[in-house]
Amino acid sequence: MSVSVFRMNQEDDSFKLGFEIPISREEFFTKFWQRAIEELKIAGIQNGIELKKEQLDSTLLDLEKLRIWAQSNLKNNDLEYMVARIDLLIKKLPLAFKTENTILWIG
């Protein structure tokens, strides 16, 4: 399994097929992302939450904090993997909000 960002279909709250930003393999997310999220007290990037456009700026700041955490706590392939996924999220999240009402879901 993996953890990704999906765009919600606003008409029926289903997931828009074909839109996904991968975050991490579930095992890696649990082992490293969750640890970082807890240590940094980040609320906006967690498995099972919704993201709205008004949360974008704070989410991008949280991703920057996660990048710094990864650089301080991970090495080699783990570091490269997490930083690459963080960079992908920083690049793609702003583009994911097609309208002001777009809702993204992490899961």
Protein backbone atom coordinates (compact mmCIF):
# COMPACT_ATOMS: atom_id res chain seq x y z
CA MET A 1 0.00 0.00 0.00
CA SER A 2 1.00 3.61 -0.31
CA VAL A 3 -0.01 7.03 0.96
CA SER A 4 -0.96 9.60 -1.67
CA VAL A 5 -2.83 12.85 -2.21
CA PHE A 6 -6.09 12.47 -4.15
CA ARG A 7 -8.44 15.14 -5.49
CA MET A 8 -12.02 14.81 -4.30
CA ASN A 9 -14.90 14.95 -6.78
CA GLN A 10 -16.98 17.82 -5.43
CA GLU A 11 -20.28 16.53 -6.78
CA ASP A 12 -20.32 13.31 -4.77
CA ASP A 13 -17.20 13.41 -2.53
CA SER A 14 -15.67 10.49 -4.41
CA PHE A 15 -12.03 10.48 -5.48
CA LYS A 16 -11.28 11.89 -8.91
CA LEU A 17 -9.85 8.97 -10.82
CA GLY A 18 -6.49 9.54 -12.39
CA PHE A 19 -5.37 12.31 -10.06
CA GLU A 20 -2.80 11.28 -7.49
CA ILE A 21 0.40 12.66 -5.99
CA PRO A 22 2.36 9.85 -4.35
CA ILE A 23 3.72 10.61 -0.89
CA SER A 24 5.28 7.39 0.30
CA ARG A 25 5.07 3.66 0.70
CA GLU A 26 2.90 3.05 3.75
CA GLU A 27 5.69 1.35 5.72
CA PHE A 28 8.06 4.26 5.07
CA PHE A 29 5.33 6.80 5.89
CA THR A 30 4.66 5.10 9.22
CA LYS A 31 8.33 4.74 10.09
CA PHE A 32 9.67 8.15 9.05
CA TRP A 33 6.93 10.61 8.04
CA GLN A 34 4.81 9.88 11.12
CA ARG A 35 7.84 10.23 13.40
CA ALA A 36 8.71 13.59 11.84
CA ILE A 37 5.10 14.78 11.93
CA GLU A 38 4.85 13.95 15.62
CA GLU A 39 8.23 15.49 16.52
CA LEU A 40 7.43 18.67 14.58
CA LYS A 41 3.79 18.76 15.76
CA ILE A 42 2.49 19.05 12.20
CA ALA A 43 -1.28 18.71 11.89
CA GLY A 44 -1.84 19.38 8.19
CA ILE A 45 -0.01 16.44 6.64
CA GLN A 46 -1.37 13.22 8.02
CA ASN A 47 -2.94 10.06 6.69
CA GLY A 48 -6.72 10.44 6.49
CA ILE A 49 -7.13 14.23 6.39
CA GLU A 50 -8.52 16.71 3.90
CA LEU A 51 -6.58 19.64 2.51
CA LYS A 52 -8.30 22.81 1.33
CA LYS A 53 -6.81 25.66 -0.68
CA GLU A 54 -6.71 27.99 2.32
CA GLN A 55 -4.36 25.48 3.99
CA LEU A 56 -1.89 25.45 1.10
CA ASP A 57 0.58 28.03 2.45
CA SER A 58 0.82 26.39 5.87
CA THR A 59 1.09 22.95 4.25
CA LEU A 60 3.99 24.12 2.08
CA LEU A 61 5.74 25.50 5.19
CA ASP A 62 5.18 22.16 6.92
CA LEU A 63 6.74 20.38 3.95
CA GLU A 64 9.80 22.62 4.25
CA LYS A 65 10.04 21.68 7.95
CA LEU A 66 9.79 18.02 7.00
CA ARG A 67 12.60 18.46 4.46
CA ILE A 68 14.86 19.98 7.14
CA TRP A 69 13.93 17.14 9.51
CA ALA A 70 14.77 14.54 6.86
CA GLN A 71 18.14 16.15 6.15
CA SER A 72 18.96 16.04 9.87
CA ASN A 73 17.63 12.55 10.63
CA LEU A 74 17.89 10.36 7.53
CA LYS A 75 20.72 9.11 5.37
CA ASN A 76 21.35 7.64 1.95
CA ASN A 77 18.34 6.12 0.16
CA ASP A 78 15.88 7.03 2.94
CA LEU A 79 16.92 10.68 2.75
CA GLU A 80 16.81 10.78 -1.04
CA TYR A 81 13.39 9.10 -1.15
CA MET A 82 11.76 11.40 1.42
CA VAL A 83 13.26 14.61 0.02
CA ALA A 84 12.24 13.64 -3.53
CA ARG A 85 8.65 13.08 -2.40
CA ILE A 86 8.60 16.33 -0.43
CA ASP A 87 9.90 18.20 -3.51
CA LEU A 88 7.21 16.57 -5.65
CA LEU A 89 4.51 17.66 -3.20
CA ILE A 90 5.84 21.22 -3.06
CA LYS A 91 5.75 21.37 -6.86
CA LYS A 92 2.41 19.62 -7.47
CA LEU A 93 0.17 20.67 -4.55
CA PRO A 94 -0.35 24.25 -5.75
CA LEU A 95 -1.38 22.89 -9.16
CA ALA A 96 -3.85 20.42 -7.63
CA PHE A 97 -6.27 23.11 -6.53
CA LYS A 98 -8.29 23.65 -9.70
CA THR A 99 -10.87 25.88 -7.93
CA GLU A 100 -11.19 27.61 -4.58
CA ASN A 101 -13.45 24.73 -3.47
CA THR A 102 -11.11 21.90 -4.45
CA ILE A 103 -10.57 19.41 -1.64
CA LEU A 104 -7.56 17.09 -1.55
CA TRP A 105 -7.40 14.00 0.63
CA ILE A 106 -4.34 12.26 2.04
CA GLY A 107 -4.71 8.52 2.34
